[in-house]
């Protein structure tokens, strides 16, 4: 019997593999699933924001990064990305 690991880190790894292969829609789907499974994880929201940026979906990226910041106000990457995306 095989077992699959659908933990936060494993899903993020799958998402980044897809993102690195430029499968933006696939990566976004995996990261969205991760945010649904782990909605209180700042890291998964940050990862979703990164996927949106690479897909050119800046408005959604800002929303994801803001959610990450709400969960972890010390997330410097998310704060920097929000500023950058807003053109500040």
N, C-alpha and C. Protein backbone atom coordinates (compact mmCIF):
# COMPACT_ATOMS: atom_id res chain seq x y z
N UNK A 1 0.84 -1.19 0.00
CA UNK A 1 0.00 0.00 0.00
C UNK A 1 0.87 1.23 0.00
N UNK A 2 0.64 2.04 -0.95
CA UNK A 2 1.35 3.31 -0.99
C UNK A 2 0.64 4.33 -0.14
N UNK A 3 1.39 5.25 0.34
CA UNK A 3 0.81 6.33 1.13
C UNK A 3 1.27 7.65 0.53
N UNK A 4 0.39 8.59 0.55
CA UNK A 4 0.70 9.92 0.04
C UNK A 4 0.76 10.89 1.19
N UNK A 5 1.69 11.81 1.11
CA UNK A 5 1.84 12.82 2.15
C UNK A 5 1.23 14.12 1.63
N UNK A 6 0.11 14.50 2.22
CA UNK A 6 -0.55 15.74 1.83
C UNK A 6 -0.35 16.82 2.90
N UNK A 7 0.80 16.76 3.55
CA UNK A 7 1.14 17.75 4.55
C UNK A 7 1.47 19.09 3.89
N UNK A 8 1.51 20.10 4.70
CA UNK A 8 1.77 21.47 4.23
C UNK A 8 3.07 21.55 3.43
N UNK A 9 4.15 21.01 3.97
CA UNK A 9 5.44 21.09 3.29
C UNK A 9 5.46 20.30 1.99
N UNK A 10 4.83 19.14 2.00
CA UNK A 10 4.81 18.32 0.78
C UNK A 10 4.02 18.99 -0.33
N UNK A 11 2.88 19.54 0.02
CA UNK A 11 2.09 20.25 -1.00
C UNK A 11 2.85 21.47 -1.53
N UNK A 12 3.52 22.17 -0.64
CA UNK A 12 4.30 23.32 -1.09
C UNK A 12 5.41 22.88 -2.05
N UNK A 13 6.04 21.75 -1.76
CA UNK A 13 7.09 21.24 -2.65
C UNK A 13 6.54 20.93 -4.03
N UNK A 14 5.38 20.31 -4.07
CA UNK A 14 4.74 20.01 -5.36
C UNK A 14 4.43 21.32 -6.10
N UNK A 15 3.90 22.28 -5.37
CA UNK A 15 3.58 23.57 -5.98
C UNK A 15 4.81 24.24 -6.57
N UNK A 16 5.92 24.22 -5.83
CA UNK A 16 7.15 24.85 -6.34
C UNK A 16 7.74 24.07 -7.51
N UNK A 17 7.58 22.76 -7.52
CA UNK A 17 8.04 21.99 -8.68
C UNK A 17 7.27 22.42 -9.92
N UNK A 18 5.98 22.60 -9.77
CA UNK A 18 5.16 23.05 -10.90
C UNK A 18 5.51 24.48 -11.29
N UNK A 19 5.72 25.33 -10.30
CA UNK A 19 6.07 26.72 -10.56
C UNK A 19 7.39 26.82 -11.30
N UNK A 20 8.37 26.03 -10.87
CA UNK A 20 9.67 26.04 -11.54
C UNK A 20 9.59 25.50 -12.96
N UNK A 21 8.60 24.66 -13.22
CA UNK A 21 8.37 24.15 -14.57
C UNK A 21 7.46 25.06 -15.38
N UNK A 22 7.16 26.22 -14.83
CA UNK A 22 6.32 27.24 -15.45
C UNK A 22 4.89 26.78 -15.71
N UNK A 23 4.42 25.85 -14.89
CA UNK A 23 3.01 25.45 -14.91
C UNK A 23 2.32 26.31 -13.86
N UNK A 24 2.08 27.57 -14.23
CA UNK A 24 1.56 28.53 -13.27
C UNK A 24 0.16 28.16 -12.77
N UNK A 25 -0.70 27.73 -13.68
CA UNK A 25 -2.06 27.37 -13.26
C UNK A 25 -2.03 26.17 -12.32
N UNK A 26 -1.20 25.18 -12.62
CA UNK A 26 -1.08 24.01 -11.76
C UNK A 26 -0.54 24.38 -10.39
N UNK A 27 0.50 25.22 -10.38
CA UNK A 27 1.09 25.65 -9.11
C UNK A 27 0.07 26.42 -8.28
N UNK A 28 -0.65 27.31 -8.91
CA UNK A 28 -1.67 28.09 -8.19
C UNK A 28 -2.72 27.15 -7.61
N UNK A 29 -3.14 26.14 -8.37
CA UNK A 29 -4.14 25.20 -7.87
C UNK A 29 -3.62 24.45 -6.64
N UNK A 30 -2.37 24.03 -6.68
CA UNK A 30 -1.80 23.31 -5.54
C UNK A 30 -1.67 24.23 -4.33
N UNK A 31 -1.16 25.44 -4.56
CA UNK A 31 -1.02 26.38 -3.44
C UNK A 31 -2.40 26.78 -2.88
N UNK A 32 -3.40 26.94 -3.74
CA UNK A 32 -4.76 27.25 -3.26
C UNK A 32 -5.27 26.10 -2.38
N UNK A 33 -5.04 24.88 -2.84
CA UNK A 33 -5.46 23.72 -2.04
C UNK A 33 -4.76 23.73 -0.68
N UNK A 34 -3.50 24.13 -0.69
CA UNK A 34 -2.75 24.18 0.56
C UNK A 34 -3.31 25.26 1.49
N UNK A 35 -3.74 26.39 0.93
CA UNK A 35 -4.33 27.43 1.78
C UNK A 35 -5.68 26.98 2.33
N UNK A 36 -6.38 26.15 1.59
CA UNK A 36 -7.66 25.64 2.08
C UNK A 36 -7.44 24.62 3.20
N UNK A 37 -6.41 23.82 3.06
CA UNK A 37 -6.12 22.80 4.07
C UNK A 37 -5.43 23.40 5.30
N UNK A 38 -4.59 24.41 5.07
CA UNK A 38 -3.82 25.05 6.16
C UNK A 38 -4.03 26.57 6.12
N UNK A 39 -5.26 27.03 6.37
CA UNK A 39 -5.57 28.46 6.23
C UNK A 39 -4.85 29.37 7.21
N UNK A 40 -4.31 28.82 8.28
CA UNK A 40 -3.63 29.64 9.27
C UNK A 40 -2.11 29.63 9.09
N UNK A 41 -1.64 29.13 7.97
CA UNK A 41 -0.21 29.10 7.69
C UNK A 41 0.19 30.30 6.84
N UNK A 42 0.97 31.17 7.40
CA UNK A 42 1.46 32.33 6.65
C UNK A 42 2.32 31.89 5.47
N UNK A 43 3.05 30.81 5.64
CA UNK A 43 3.94 30.33 4.59
C UNK A 43 3.19 29.93 3.32
N UNK A 44 2.06 29.24 3.47
CA UNK A 44 1.36 28.80 2.27
C UNK A 44 0.73 29.98 1.52
N UNK A 45 0.30 31.00 2.25
CA UNK A 45 -0.22 32.20 1.61
C UNK A 45 0.89 32.95 0.88
N UNK A 46 2.09 32.97 1.48
CA UNK A 46 3.24 33.60 0.84
C UNK A 46 3.58 32.87 -0.46
N UNK A 47 3.55 31.55 -0.43
CA UNK A 47 3.84 30.75 -1.62
C UNK A 47 2.80 31.01 -2.71
N UNK A 48 1.54 31.10 -2.33
CA UNK A 48 0.49 31.41 -3.30
C UNK A 48 0.74 32.78 -3.92
N UNK A 49 1.14 33.74 -3.10
CA UNK A 49 1.46 35.07 -3.62
C UNK A 49 2.57 35.00 -4.66
N UNK A 50 3.59 34.21 -4.39
CA UNK A 50 4.70 34.07 -5.33
C UNK A 50 4.22 33.48 -6.66
N UNK A 51 3.35 32.50 -6.60
CA UNK A 51 2.82 31.90 -7.83
C UNK A 51 2.01 32.92 -8.62
N UNK A 52 1.20 33.71 -7.93
CA UNK A 52 0.43 34.74 -8.61
C UNK A 52 1.35 35.76 -9.28
N UNK A 53 2.42 36.15 -8.61
CA UNK A 53 3.38 37.10 -9.20
C UNK A 53 3.94 36.52 -10.49
N UNK A 54 4.40 35.29 -10.43
CA UNK A 54 5.01 34.69 -11.62
C UNK A 54 4.01 34.52 -12.75
N UNK A 55 2.73 34.39 -12.40
CA UNK A 55 1.68 34.27 -13.41
C UNK A 55 1.21 35.63 -13.91
N UNK A 56 1.76 36.72 -13.33
CA UNK A 56 1.37 38.06 -13.75
C UNK A 56 0.03 38.51 -13.18
N UNK A 57 -0.39 37.91 -12.10
CA UNK A 57 -1.67 38.22 -11.47
C UNK A 57 -1.42 38.99 -10.18
N UNK A 58 -1.03 40.26 -10.35
CA UNK A 58 -0.56 41.07 -9.24
C UNK A 58 -1.63 41.37 -8.18
N UNK A 59 -2.85 41.61 -8.58
CA UNK A 59 -3.90 41.93 -7.61
C UNK A 59 -4.11 40.74 -6.67
N UNK A 60 -4.16 39.55 -7.23
CA UNK A 60 -4.33 38.36 -6.40
C UNK A 60 -3.09 38.10 -5.55
N UNK A 61 -1.92 38.43 -6.09
CA UNK A 61 -0.68 38.27 -5.33
C UNK A 61 -0.71 39.16 -4.10
N UNK A 62 -1.11 40.40 -4.26
CA UNK A 62 -1.19 41.32 -3.13
C UNK A 62 -2.13 40.77 -2.07
N UNK A 63 -3.28 40.26 -2.49
CA UNK A 63 -4.24 39.70 -1.53
C UNK A 63 -3.64 38.53 -0.76
N UNK A 64 -2.93 37.64 -1.46
CA UNK A 64 -2.32 36.49 -0.79
C UNK A 64 -1.23 36.95 0.18
N UNK A 65 -0.40 37.89 -0.26
CA UNK A 65 0.66 38.40 0.62
C UNK A 65 0.07 39.12 1.83
N UNK A 66 -1.02 39.84 1.64
CA UNK A 66 -1.64 40.52 2.78
C UNK A 66 -2.20 39.52 3.78
N UNK A 67 -2.74 38.41 3.28
CA UNK A 67 -3.22 37.36 4.18
C UNK A 67 -2.05 36.77 4.97
N UNK A 68 -0.93 36.57 4.27
CA UNK A 68 0.27 36.05 4.94
C UNK A 68 0.71 37.02 6.03
N UNK A 69 0.71 38.30 5.73
CA UNK A 69 1.11 39.31 6.71
C UNK A 69 0.15 39.38 7.90
N UNK A 70 -1.13 39.17 7.65
CA UNK A 70 -2.10 39.17 8.75
C UNK A 70 -1.80 38.02 9.73
N UNK A 71 -1.34 36.91 9.18
CA UNK A 71 -1.02 35.75 10.02
C UNK A 71 0.36 35.86 10.66
N UNK A 72 1.27 36.53 9.95
CA UNK A 72 2.65 36.69 10.44
C UNK A 72 3.17 38.07 10.08
N UNK A 73 2.92 39.06 10.94
CA UNK A 73 3.34 40.43 10.66
C UNK A 73 4.85 40.59 10.48
N UNK A 74 5.63 39.59 10.89
CA UNK A 74 7.09 39.64 10.75
C UNK A 74 7.57 39.10 9.40
N UNK A 75 6.67 38.71 8.53
CA UNK A 75 7.04 38.16 7.22
C UNK A 75 7.56 39.28 6.33
N UNK A 76 8.87 39.45 6.32
CA UNK A 76 9.49 40.53 5.57
C UNK A 76 9.31 40.37 4.06
N UNK A 77 9.35 39.13 3.58
CA UNK A 77 9.17 38.90 2.15
C UNK A 77 7.80 39.39 1.70
N UNK A 78 6.76 39.02 2.44
CA UNK A 78 5.42 39.44 2.07
C UNK A 78 5.29 40.96 2.10
N UNK A 79 5.84 41.60 3.13
CA UNK A 79 5.77 43.06 3.23
C UNK A 79 6.48 43.72 2.06
N UNK A 80 7.66 43.21 1.71
CA UNK A 80 8.42 43.77 0.59
C UNK A 80 7.68 43.57 -0.73
N UNK A 81 7.08 42.40 -0.90
CA UNK A 81 6.37 42.13 -2.15
C UNK A 81 5.13 43.01 -2.30
N UNK A 82 4.41 43.24 -1.22
CA UNK A 82 3.24 44.13 -1.29
C UNK A 82 3.68 45.53 -1.71
N UNK A 83 4.75 46.02 -1.10
CA UNK A 83 5.26 47.34 -1.48
C UNK A 83 5.69 47.38 -2.93
N UNK A 84 6.42 46.38 -3.35
CA UNK A 84 6.90 46.31 -4.73
C UNK A 84 5.74 46.25 -5.71
N UNK A 85 4.76 45.42 -5.43
CA UNK A 85 3.63 45.27 -6.34
C UNK A 85 2.75 46.52 -6.40
N UNK A 86 2.74 47.25 -5.31
CA UNK A 86 1.97 48.51 -5.31
C UNK A 86 2.76 49.66 -5.92
N UNK A 87 4.02 49.40 -6.23
CA UNK A 87 4.86 50.42 -6.85
C UNK A 87 5.44 51.41 -5.88
N UNK A 88 5.55 51.02 -4.60
CA UNK A 88 6.11 51.93 -3.57
C UNK A 88 7.59 51.73 -3.43
